[in-house]
């Protein structure tokens, strides 16, 4: 029994469709690479309750131990490397006097350059120059962190946390700290006088000042994955004084995607620009409706205005 030409064509098309559907094919499904973050504010809870009425006196008293333990629970799987940041809020590193209080020539070649006038008011101590001089270096962040999971310490990689260009071109390999934090008023962290500035990456990260009053700076990287429901014990020393100016301190554990770490600035900026554009569009539309200009109106032409008439 033979099929009519029309039925043969339909049968052939059906077989072709089945054959095509059985062929192997790549069907990519694009999913965004989510950035997982854990943020913990510790500046208040790490002050004993008896000292919370006068936190400034507490932080300035060197006889009181500043050790503190925090617990950070992992709610989503975090794939290594996990970046450790410390975050400071209400800290204006972009203040004009603060930004200018440094000497880039001294940082690069401190042995040959001794003019530290730009570092005021932290340019010398006991009539001897300070290396590195200036308010930025003097206020170096000095809280420390240790991470433990299930009784075992998580190794923190603190190498290559600063920009390579900064290490190689802005901080000298033959420049060593000298007379640093030796005055009566100590600002922040101290530096090892036997290590050149180019290898003191904490300082290099800190010296790249932030443009906003809330900022994060890289402390190190955890090279192990963290599973869901893992509890990370953080043993920290709460040394840095943010209490005198109402600042906040936070510890951040974060993964990254191919776009980098989490940053809400771009989203907020797009929302702001979009809302502003929409508002202006509505205003211009209302002005156009209320003060509509007839099409073909020649009264606004220069030669038809009264101001141009003789």
C-alpha atoms as a PDB file:
ATOM      1  CA  UNK A   1       0.000   0.000   0.000  1.00  0.00           C
ATOM      2  CA  UNK A   2       1.523   3.315  -1.057  1.00  0.00           C
ATOM      3  CA  UNK A   3       1.006   6.633   0.677  1.00  0.00           C
ATOM      4  CA  UNK A   4      -0.071   9.707  -1.117  1.00  0.00           C
ATOM      5  CA  UNK A   5       2.651  12.331  -1.689  1.00  0.00           C
ATOM      6  CA  UNK A   6       1.198  14.618   1.002  1.00  0.00           C
ATOM      7  CA  UNK A   7       1.304  11.883   3.705  1.00  0.00           C
ATOM      8  CA  UNK A   8       4.841  10.878   2.654  1.00  0.00           C
ATOM      9  CA  UNK A   9       6.028  14.463   3.101  1.00  0.00           C
ATOM     10  CA  UNK A  10       4.488  14.709   6.618  1.00  0.00           C
ATOM     11  CA  UNK A  11       6.013  11.356   7.645  1.00  0.00           C
ATOM     12  CA  UNK A  12       9.444  12.447   6.375  1.00  0.00           C
ATOM     13  CA  UNK A  13       9.218  15.749   8.286  1.00  0.00           C
ATOM     14  CA  UNK A  14       8.239  13.941  11.501  1.00  0.00           C
ATOM     15  CA  UNK A  15      11.219  11.582  11.210  1.00  0.00           C
ATOM     16  CA  UNK A  16      13.564  14.527  10.626  1.00  0.00           C
ATOM     17  CA  UNK A  17      12.301  16.264  13.750  1.00  0.00           C
ATOM     18  CA  UNK A  18      12.819  13.124  15.854  1.00  0.00           C
ATOM     19  CA  UNK A  19      16.332  12.681  14.467  1.00  0.00           C
ATOM     20  CA  UNK A  20      17.261  16.295  15.219  1.00  0.00           C
ATOM     21  CA  UNK A  21      15.949  16.060  18.759  1.00  0.00           C
ATOM     22  CA  UNK A  22      18.112  13.009  19.449  1.00  0.00           C
ATOM     23  CA  UNK A  23      21.342  14.728  18.329  1.00  0.00           C
ATOM     24  CA  UNK A  24      23.719  15.823  21.116  1.00  0.00           C
ATOM     25  CA  UNK A  25      23.638  19.569  21.625  1.00  0.00           C
ATOM     26  CA  UNK A  26      25.070  22.156  23.988  1.00  0.00           C
ATOM     27  CA  UNK A  27      22.323  24.094  25.752  1.00  0.00           C
ATOM     28  CA  UNK A  28      24.021  26.599  28.072  1.00  0.00           C
ATOM     29  CA  UNK A  29      21.940  27.995  30.905  1.00  0.00           C
ATOM     30  CA  UNK A  30      23.462  31.242  32.122  1.00  0.00           C
ATOM     31  CA  UNK A  31      23.322  31.622  35.873  1.00  0.00           C
ATOM     32  CA  UNK A  32      24.909  34.519  37.745  1.00  0.00           C
ATOM     33  CA  UNK A  33      27.895  33.821  39.923  1.00  0.00           C
ATOM     34  CA  UNK A  34      26.593  34.774  43.340  1.00  0.00           C
ATOM     35  CA  UNK A  35      28.903  36.388  45.843  1.00  0.00           C
ATOM     36  CA  UNK A  36      28.463  34.968  49.328  1.00  0.00           C
ATOM     37  CA  UNK A  37      29.244  37.277  52.236  1.00  0.00           C
ATOM     38  CA  UNK A  38      29.302  37.080  56.005  1.00  0.00           C
ATOM     39  CA  UNK A  39      29.479  40.422  57.798  1.00  0.00           C
ATOM     40  CA  UNK A  40      30.000  40.808  61.530  1.00  0.00           C
ATOM     41  CA  UNK A  41      30.203  44.094  63.397  1.00  0.00           C
ATOM     42  CA  UNK A  42      32.393  43.617  66.450  1.00  0.00           C
ATOM     43  CA  UNK A  43      33.401  47.051  67.755  1.00  0.00           C
ATOM     44  CA  UNK A  44      30.629  47.218  70.386  1.00  0.00           C
ATOM     45  CA  UNK A  45      30.367  43.578  71.495  1.00  0.00           C
ATOM     46  CA  UNK A  46      34.137  43.338  71.937  1.00  0.00           C
ATOM     47  CA  UNK A  47      34.058  46.011  74.640  1.00  0.00           C
ATOM     48  CA  UNK A  48      33.230  44.732  78.146  1.00  0.00           C
ATOM     49  CA  UNK A  49      29.871  45.934  79.435  1.00  0.00           C
ATOM     50  CA  UNK A  50      31.565  47.704  82.337  1.00  0.00           C
ATOM     51  CA  UNK A  51      33.535  49.871  79.862  1.00  0.00           C
ATOM     52  CA  UNK A  52      30.841  50.645  77.307  1.00  0.00           C
ATOM     53  CA  UNK A  53      29.996  53.973  78.891  1.00  0.00           C
ATOM     54  CA  UNK A  54      33.541  55.174  78.162  1.00  0.00           C
ATOM     55  CA  UNK A  55      34.863  53.194  75.214  1.00  0.00           C
ATOM     56  CA  UNK A  56      37.603  55.714  74.435  1.00  0.00           C
ATOM     57  CA  UNK A  57      39.263  55.266  77.828  1.00  0.00           C
ATOM     58  CA  UNK A  58      38.984  51.505  77.436  1.00  0.00           C
ATOM     59  CA  UNK A  59      40.655  51.387  74.023  1.00  0.00           C
ATOM     60  CA  UNK A  60      43.465  53.712  75.153  1.00  0.00           C
ATOM     61  CA  UNK A  61      44.275  51.701  78.282  1.00  0.00           C
ATOM     62  CA  UNK A  62      47.136  49.369  77.317  1.00  0.00           C
ATOM     63  CA  UNK A  63      46.857  47.475  80.603  1.00  0.00           C
ATOM     64  CA  UNK A  64      43.487  45.985  79.595  1.00  0.00           C
ATOM     65  CA  UNK A  65      43.630  42.958  77.264  1.00  0.00           C
ATOM     66  CA  UNK A  66      41.691  43.505  74.063  1.00  0.00           C
ATOM     67  CA  UNK A  67      41.129  39.857  73.131  1.00  0.00           C
ATOM     68  CA  UNK A  68      37.703  38.920  71.828  1.00  0.00           C
ATOM     69  CA  UNK A  69      36.042  35.889  70.233  1.00  0.00           C
ATOM     70  CA  UNK A  70      33.340  36.005  67.595  1.00  0.00           C
ATOM     71  CA  UNK A  71      31.331  33.269  65.877  1.00  0.00           C
ATOM     72  CA  UNK A  72      30.510  33.449  62.174  1.00  0.00           C
ATOM     73  CA  UNK A  73      28.111  30.830  60.801  1.00  0.00           C
ATOM     74  CA  UNK A  74      28.243  29.887  57.143  1.00  0.00           C
ATOM     75  CA  UNK A  75      24.744  29.894  55.600  1.00  0.00           C
ATOM     76  CA  UNK A  76      25.819  29.144  52.005  1.00  0.00           C
ATOM     77  CA  UNK A  77      28.671  27.140  50.566  1.00  0.00           C
ATOM     78  CA  UNK A  78      31.760  29.337  50.158  1.00  0.00           C
ATOM     79  CA  UNK A  79      34.331  28.247  47.625  1.00  0.00           C
ATOM     80  CA  UNK A  80      37.973  29.157  48.140  1.00  0.00           C
ATOM     81  CA  UNK A  81      39.610  31.580  47.952  1.00  0.00           C
ATOM     82  CA  UNK A  82      37.572  33.343  50.625  1.00  0.00           C
ATOM     83  CA  UNK A  83      38.612  36.958  51.017  1.00  0.00           C
ATOM     84  CA  UNK A  84      38.927  38.539  54.446  1.00  0.00           C
ATOM     85  CA  UNK A  85      38.201  42.250  54.682  1.00  0.00           C
ATOM     86  CA  UNK A  86      37.996  44.683  57.543  1.00  0.00           C
ATOM     87  CA  UNK A  87      35.412  47.388  57.033  1.00  0.00           C
ATOM     88  CA  UNK A  88      35.458  50.843  58.601  1.00  0.00           C
ATOM     89  CA  UNK A  89      32.469  53.183  58.582  1.00  0.00           C
ATOM     90  CA  UNK A  90      32.392  56.930  59.228  1.00  0.00           C
ATOM     91  CA  UNK A  91      36.123  57.095  58.547  1.00  0.00           C
ATOM     92  CA  UNK A  92      37.069  59.939  56.204  1.00  0.00           C
ATOM     93  CA  UNK A  93      40.314  58.909  54.563  1.00  0.00           C
ATOM     94  CA  UNK A  94      39.547  61.442  51.831  1.00  0.00           C
ATOM     95  CA  UNK A  95      39.966  64.439  54.173  1.00  0.00           C
ATOM     96  CA  UNK A  96      42.291  66.955  52.520  1.00  0.00           C
ATOM     97  CA  UNK A  97      44.695  67.256  55.457  1.00  0.00           C
ATOM     98  CA  UNK A  98      44.811  63.493  55.936  1.00  0.00           C
ATOM     99  CA  UNK A  99      45.447  62.710  52.253  1.00  0.00           C
ATOM    100  CA  UNK A 100      48.263  65.268  51.987  1.00  0.00           C
ATOM    101  CA  UNK A 101      50.071  64.041  55.117  1.00  0.00           C
ATOM    102  CA  UNK A 102      52.498  61.646  53.400  1.00  0.00           C
ATOM    103  CA  UNK A 103      55.701  61.675  51.378  1.00  0.00           C
ATOM    104  CA  UNK A 104      55.665  59.496  48.282  1.00  0.00           C
ATOM    105  CA  UNK A 105      59.339  60.260  47.590  1.00  0.00           C
ATOM    106  CA  UNK A 106      60.298  59.075  51.057  1.00  0.00           C
ATOM    107  CA  UNK A 107      58.285  55.852  50.639  1.00  0.00           C
ATOM    108  CA  UNK A 108      60.140  55.087  47.418  1.00  0.00           C
ATOM    109  CA  UNK A 109      63.631  56.222  48.406  1.00  0.00           C
ATOM    110  CA  UNK A 110      63.749  57.134  52.077  1.00  0.00           C
ATOM    111  CA  UNK A 111      67.544  57.096  52.398  1.00  0.00           C
ATOM    112  CA  UNK A 112      68.087  59.883  49.869  1.00  0.00           C
ATOM    113  CA  UNK A 113      65.006  61.968  50.537  1.00  0.00           C
ATOM    114  CA  UNK A 114      64.752  63.628  53.931  1.00  0.00           C
ATOM    115  CA  UNK A 115      62.280  66.454  53.335  1.00  0.00           C
ATOM    116  CA  UNK A 116      59.231  65.464  55.375  1.00  0.00           C
ATOM    117  CA  UNK A 117      57.492  68.828  55.532  1.00  0.00           C
ATOM    118  CA  UNK A 118      54.515  67.400  53.644  1.00  0.00           C
ATOM    119  CA  UNK A 119      53.974  64.883  56.465  1.00  0.00           C
ATOM    120  CA  UNK A 120      52.886  67.395  59.090  1.00  0.00           C
ATOM    121  CA  UNK A 121      51.939  66.946  61.864  1.00  0.00           C
ATOM    122  CA  UNK A 122      53.715  63.551  61.974  1.00  0.00           C
ATOM    123  CA  UNK A 123      57.013  64.344  60.259  1.00  0.00           C
ATOM    124  CA  UNK A 124      59.593  63.837  63.030  1.00  0.00           C
ATOM    125  CA  UNK A 125      60.084  62.641  66.598  1.00  0.00           C
ATOM    126  CA  UNK A 126      62.881  63.793  68.907  1.00  0.00           C
ATOM    127  CA  UNK A 127      64.345  65.785  66.013  1.00  0.00           C
ATOM    128  CA  UNK A 128      64.742  62.632  63.957  1.00  0.00           C
ATOM    129  CA  UNK A 129      62.737  61.845  60.807  1.00  0.00           C
ATOM    130  CA  UNK A 130      59.991  59.253  60.846  1.00  0.00           C
ATOM    131  CA  UNK A 131      59.870  56.595  58.140  1.00  0.00           C
ATOM    132  CA  UNK A 132      57.159  56.275  56.942  1.00  0.00           C
ATOM    133  CA  UNK A 133      55.960  59.708  57.957  1.00  0.00           C
ATOM    134  CA  UNK A 134      52.506  61.261  57.836  1.00  0.00           C
ATOM    135  CA  UNK A 135      49.044  60.749  59.284  1.00  0.00           C
ATOM    136  CA  UNK A 136      48.095  57.941  56.901  1.00  0.00           C
ATOM    137  CA  UNK A 137      50.927  55.635  57.962  1.00  0.00           C
ATOM    138  CA  UNK A 138      50.663  56.758  61.602  1.00  0.00           C
ATOM    139  CA  UNK A 139      46.993  55.664  61.750  1.00  0.00           C
ATOM    140  CA  UNK A 140      47.689  52.160  60.386  1.00  0.00           C
ATOM    141  CA  UNK A 141      44.937  49.641  61.186  1.00  0.00           C
ATOM    142  CA  UNK A 142      46.145  47.202  63.856  1.00  0.00           C
ATOM    143  CA  UNK A 143      43.348  44.778  64.716  1.00  0.00           C
ATOM    144  CA  UNK A 144      44.380  41.148  64.196  1.00  0.00           C
ATOM    145  CA  UNK A 145      42.296  38.074  63.362  1.00  0.00           C
ATOM    146  CA  UNK A 146      42.693  34.324  63.782  1.00  0.00           C
ATOM    147  CA  UNK A 147      40.203  31.852  62.298  1.00  0.00           C
ATOM    148  CA  UNK A 148      39.383  28.390  63.682  1.00  0.00           C
ATOM    149  CA  UNK A 149      37.001  25.745  62.319  1.00  0.00           C
ATOM    150  CA  UNK A 150      36.224  22.555  64.228  1.00  0.00           C
ATOM    151  CA  UNK A 151      39.221  23.071  66.476  1.00  0.00           C
ATOM    152  CA  UNK A 152      41.675  23.476  63.605  1.00  0.00           C
ATOM    153  CA  UNK A 153      43.170  26.785  62.570  1.00  0.00           C
ATOM    154  CA  UNK A 154      42.310  28.055  59.111  1.00  0.00           C
ATOM    155  CA  UNK A 155      45.466  29.227  57.396  1.00  0.00           C
ATOM    156  CA  UNK A 156      45.265  32.792  56.173  1.00  0.00           C
ATOM    157  CA  UNK A 157      47.349  33.741  53.149  1.00  0.00           C
ATOM    158  CA  UNK A 158      48.491  37.341  53.625  1.00  0.00           C
ATOM    159  CA  UNK A 159      50.726  37.526  50.572  1.00  0.00           C
ATOM    160  CA  UNK A 160      49.862  39.522  47.454  1.00  0.00           C
ATOM    161  CA  UNK A 161      47.022  41.421  49.133  1.00  0.00           C
ATOM    162  CA  UNK A 162      48.347  44.745  47.808  1.00  0.00           C
ATOM    163  CA  UNK A 163      48.455  45.904  44.216  1.00  0.00           C
ATOM    164  CA  UNK A 164      51.537  44.721  42.372  1.00  0.00           C
ATOM    165  CA  UNK A 165      52.081  48.206  40.944  1.00  0.00           C
ATOM    166  CA  UNK A 166      52.117  49.658  44.471  1.00  0.00           C
ATOM    167  CA  UNK A 167      54.597  47.079  45.738  1.00  0.00           C
ATOM    168  CA  UNK A 168      56.945  47.504  42.814  1.00  0.00           C
ATOM    169  CA  UNK A 169      56.777  51.218  42.044  1.00  0.00           C
ATOM    170  CA  UNK A 170      55.620  53.146  45.110  1.00  0.00           C
ATOM    171  CA  UNK A 171      57.373  51.490  48.063  1.00  0.00           C
ATOM    172  CA  UNK A 172      61.119  51.047  48.062  1.00  0.00           C
ATOM    173  CA  UNK A 173      62.854  47.718  48.525  1.00  0.00           C
ATOM    174  CA  UNK A 174      65.655  49.450  50.411  1.00  0.00           C
ATOM    175  CA  UNK A 175      63.445  51.639  52.626  1.00  0.00           C
ATOM    176  CA  UNK A 176      62.999  50.371  56.178  1.00  0.00           C
ATOM    177  CA  UNK A 177      60.786  51.741  58.972  1.00  0.00           C
ATOM    178  CA  UNK A 178      62.662  54.099  61.252  1.00  0.00           C
ATOM    179  CA  UNK A 179      61.585  55.897  64.420  1.00  0.00           C
ATOM    180  CA  UNK A 180      58.007  54.835  63.683  1.00  0.00           C
ATOM    181  CA  UNK A 181      55.393  54.938  66.485  1.00  0.00           C
ATOM    182  CA  UNK A 182      58.066  55.864  69.029  1.00  0.00           C
ATOM    183  CA  UNK A 183      56.383  59.038  70.280  1.00  0.00           C
ATOM    184  CA  UNK A 184      54.208  59.534  73.323  1.00  0.00           C
ATOM    185  CA  UNK A 185      51.048  59.383  71.202  1.00  0.00           C
ATOM    186  CA  UNK A 186      50.650  56.115  69.308  1.00  0.00           C
ATOM    187  CA  UNK A 187      48.303  56.192  66.348  1.00  0.00           C
ATOM    188  CA  UNK A 188      47.851  52.605  65.180  1.00  0.00           C
ATOM    189  CA  UNK A 189      49.891  49.595  64.152  1.00  0.00           C
ATOM    190  CA  UNK A 190      53.644  49.207  64.343  1.00  0.00           C
ATOM    191  CA  UNK A 191      56.009  48.019  61.611  1.00  0.00           C
ATOM    192  CA  UNK A 192      58.874  45.575  61.667  1.00  0.00           C
ATOM    193  CA  UNK A 193      62.041  47.699  61.212  1.00  0.00           C
ATOM    194  CA  UNK A 194      63.833  44.752  59.579  1.00  0.00           C
ATOM    195  CA  UNK A 195      61.359  44.350  56.711  1.00  0.00           C
ATOM    196  CA  UNK A 196      61.422  46.819  53.773  1.00  0.00           C
ATOM    197  CA  UNK A 197      58.319  48.827  53.028  1.00  0.00           C
ATOM    198  CA  UNK A 198      57.783  46.987  49.731  1.00  0.00           C
ATOM    199  CA  UNK A 199      57.105  43.792  51.736  1.00  0.00           C
ATOM    200  CA  UNK A 200      54.878  45.379  54.396  1.00  0.00           C
ATOM    201  CA  UNK A 201      51.637  44.765  52.539  1.00  0.00           C
ATOM    202  CA  UNK A 202      49.360  45.796  55.410  1.00  0.00           C
ATOM    203  CA  UNK A 203      50.851  49.254  55.169  1.00  0.00           C
ATOM    204  CA  UNK A 204      50.612  49.321  51.362  1.00  0.00           C
ATOM    205  CA  UNK A 205      46.923  48.377  51.450  1.00  0.00           C
ATOM    206  CA  UNK A 206      46.239  51.013  54.103  1.00  0.00           C
ATOM    207  CA  UNK A 207      48.133  53.756  52.267  1.00  0.00           C
ATOM    208  CA  UNK A 208      45.807  53.462  49.246  1.00  0.00           C
ATOM    209  CA  UNK A 209      43.229  55.817  50.711  1.00  0.00           C
ATOM    210  CA  UNK A 210      39.528  55.423  50.125  1.00  0.00           C
ATOM    211  CA  UNK A 211      37.306  58.044  48.500  1.00  0.00           C
ATOM    212  CA  UNK A 212      34.234  57.166  50.592  1.00  0.00           C
ATOM    213  CA  UNK A 213      33.653  57.225  54.364  1.00  0.00           C
ATOM    214  CA  UNK A 214      32.733  53.523  54.381  1.00  0.00           C
ATOM    215  CA  UNK A 215      35.369  51.243  52.899  1.00  0.00           C
ATOM    216  CA  UNK A 216      36.847  47.771  53.012  1.00  0.00           C
ATOM    217  CA  UNK A 217      40.468  46.758  52.886  1.00  0.00           C
ATOM    218  CA  UNK A 218      41.819  43.311  52.172  1.00  0.00           C
ATOM    219  CA  UNK A 219      43.326  41.507  55.157  1.00  0.00           C
ATOM    220  CA  UNK A 220      44.049  38.091  53.633  1.00  0.00           C
ATOM    221  CA  UNK A 221      42.608  34.982  51.992  1.00  0.00           C
ATOM    222  CA  UNK A 222      41.389  31.641  53.341  1.00  0.00           C
ATOM    223  CA  UNK A 223      42.424  28.916  50.906  1.00  0.00           C
ATOM    224  CA  UNK A 224      39.888  26.312  52.114  1.00  0.00           C
ATOM    225  CA  UNK A 225      36.216  25.879  51.227  1.00  0.00           C
ATOM    226  CA  UNK A 226      33.605  26.520  53.898  1.00  0.00           C
ATOM    227  CA  UNK A 227      30.524  24.286  53.955  1.00  0.00           C
ATOM    228  CA  UNK A 228      26.981  25.135  54.939  1.00  0.00           C
ATOM    229  CA  UNK A 229      26.476  25.308  58.739  1.00  0.00           C
ATOM    230  CA  UNK A 230      30.199  25.556  59.419  1.00  0.00           C
ATOM    231  CA  UNK A 231      30.926  27.783  62.405  1.00  0.00           C
ATOM    232  CA  UNK A 232      34.115  29.833  62.193  1.00  0.00           C
ATOM    233  CA  UNK A 233      35.515  31.034  65.502  1.00  0.00           C
ATOM    234  CA  UNK A 234      37.327  34.349  65.137  1.00  0.00           C
ATOM    235  CA  UNK A 235      39.840  35.251  67.833  1.00  0.00           C
ATOM    236  CA  UNK A 236      40.630  38.922  67.368  1.00  0.00           C
ATOM    237  CA  UNK A 237      42.365  41.758  69.141  1.00  0.00           C
ATOM    238  CA  UNK A 238      40.274  44.908  69.315  1.00  0.00           C
ATOM    239  CA  UNK A 239      43.074  47.480  69.241  1.00  0.00           C
ATOM    240  CA  UNK A 240      42.004  50.099  66.727  1.00  0.00           C
ATOM    241  CA  UNK A 241      40.355  53.216  68.112  1.00  0.00           C
ATOM    242  CA  UNK A 242      37.231  54.101  66.141  1.00  0.00           C
ATOM    243  CA  UNK A 243      35.292  55.114  69.248  1.00  0.00           C
ATOM    244  CA  UNK A 244      36.660  58.657  69.481  1.00  0.00           C
ATOM    245  CA  UNK A 245      34.952  59.635  66.210  1.00  0.00           C
ATOM    246  CA  UNK A 246      31.915  57.329  66.238  1.00  0.00           C
ATOM    247  CA  UNK A 247      33.272  54.866  63.694  1.00  0.00           C
ATOM    248  CA  UNK A 248      32.257  51.251  63.180  1.00  0.00           C
ATOM    249  CA  UNK A 249      34.361  48.147  62.630  1.00  0.00           C
ATOM    250  CA  UNK A 250      33.201  45.065  60.768  1.00  0.00           C
ATOM    251  CA  UNK A 251      34.782  41.808  59.693  1.00  0.00           C
ATOM    252  CA  UNK A 252      33.789  40.465  56.281  1.00  0.00           C
ATOM    253  CA  UNK A 253      34.254  37.033  54.725  1.00  0.00           C
ATOM    254  CA  UNK A 254      33.431  37.085  51.033  1.00  0.00           C
ATOM    255  CA  UNK A 255      33.767  35.024  47.899  1.00  0.00           C
ATOM    256  CA  UNK A 256      34.099  36.570  44.464  1.00  0.00           C
ATOM    257  CA  UNK A 257      32.805  36.034  40.950  1.00  0.00           C
ATOM    258  CA  UNK A 258      34.280  36.814  37.534  1.00  0.00           C
ATOM    259  CA  UNK A 259      33.036  40.355  38.076  1.00  0.00           C
ATOM    260  CA  UNK A 260      34.886  40.664  41.376  1.00  0.00           C
ATOM    261  CA  UNK A 261      33.497  41.051  44.863  1.00  0.00           C
ATOM    262  CA  UNK A 262      30.163  42.347  46.001  1.00  0.00           C
ATOM    263  CA  UNK A 263      29.648  46.068  45.438  1.00  0.00           C
ATOM    264  CA  UNK A 264      26.267  47.775  45.719  1.00  0.00           C
ATOM    265  CA  UNK A 265      27.480  51.128  44.434  1.00  0.00           C
ATOM    266  CA  UNK A 266      26.789  50.403  40.753  1.00  0.00           C
ATOM    267  CA  UNK A 267      23.252  49.222  41.480  1.00  0.00           C
ATOM    268  CA  UNK A 268      22.484  52.224  43.653  1.00  0.00           C
ATOM    269  CA  UNK A 269      23.949  54.562  41.043  1.00  0.00           C
ATOM    270  CA  UNK A 270      21.821  53.033  38.259  1.00  0.00           C
ATOM    271  CA  UNK A 271      18.659  53.308  40.377  1.00  0.00           C
ATOM    272  CA  UNK A 272      19.462  56.938  41.226  1.00  0.00           C
ATOM    273  CA  UNK A 273      20.180  57.900  37.616  1.00  0.00           C
ATOM    274  CA  UNK A 274      17.063  56.084  36.395  1.00  0.00           C
ATOM    275  CA  UNK A 275      14.793  57.758  38.959  1.00  0.00           C
ATOM    276  CA  UNK A 276      16.313  61.159  38.198  1.00  0.00           C
ATOM    277  CA  UNK A 277      15.821  60.674  34.446  1.00  0.00           C
ATOM    278  CA  UNK A 278      12.217  59.581  34.956  1.00  0.00           C
ATOM    279  CA  UNK A 279      11.489  62.597  37.174  1.00  0.00           C
ATOM    280  CA  UNK A 280      12.990  65.025  34.664  1.00  0.00           C
ATOM    281  CA  UNK A 281      11.070  63.378  31.821  1.00  0.00           C
ATOM    282  CA  UNK A 282       7.771  63.838  33.693  1.00  0.00           C
ATOM    283  CA  UNK A 283       8.594  67.480  34.465  1.00  0.00           C
ATOM    284  CA  UNK A 284       9.439  68.279  30.837  1.00  0.00           C
ATOM    285  CA  UNK A 285       6.326  66.472  29.660  1.00  0.00           C
ATOM    286  CA  UNK A 286       4.115  68.559  31.963  1.00  0.00           C
ATOM    287  CA  UNK A 287       5.841  71.753  30.831  1.00  0.00           C
ATOM    288  CA  UNK A 288       5.313  70.734  27.222  1.00  0.00           C
ATOM    289  CA  UNK A 289       1.606  70.077  27.811  1.00  0.00           C
ATOM    290  CA  UNK A 290       1.042  73.321  29.718  1.00  0.00           C
ATOM    291  CA  UNK A 291       3.124  75.604  27.507  1.00  0.00           C
ATOM    292  CA  UNK A 292       2.583  73.871  24.201  1.00  0.00           C
ATOM    293  CA  UNK A 293       4.065  75.674  21.232  1.00  0.00           C
ATOM    294  CA  UNK A 294       1.994  75.445  18.040  1.00  0.00           C
ATOM    295  CA  UNK A 295       3.666  73.683  15.176  1.00  0.00           C
ATOM    296  CA  UNK A 296       4.829  76.079  12.501  1.00  0.00           C
ATOM    297  CA  UNK A 297       4.848  79.064  14.863  1.00  0.00           C
ATOM    298  CA  UNK A 298       7.330  81.568  13.431  1.00  0.00           C
ATOM    299  CA  UNK A 299       7.067  84.096  16.256  1.00  0.00           C
ATOM    300  CA  UNK A 300      10.170  82.700  17.954  1.00  0.00           C
ATOM    301  CA  UNK A 301      12.382  83.183  14.958  1.00  0.00           C
ATOM    302  CA  UNK A 302      15.056  85.859  15.563  1.00  0.00           C
ATOM    303  CA  UNK A 303      13.904  88.133  12.776  1.00  0.00           C
ATOM    304  CA  UNK A 304      10.314  88.046  14.057  1.00  0.00           C
ATOM    305  CA  UNK A 305      11.058  88.948  17.668  1.00  0.00           C
ATOM    306  CA  UNK A 306      10.330  92.447  18.844  1.00  0.00           C
ATOM    307  CA  UNK A 307      13.838  92.769  20.293  1.00  0.00           C
ATOM    308  CA  UNK A 308      15.225  92.568  16.807  1.00  0.00           C
ATOM    309  CA  UNK A 309      12.763  94.997  15.282  1.00  0.00           C
ATOM    310  CA  UNK A 310      13.983  98.502  14.436  1.00  0.00           C
END
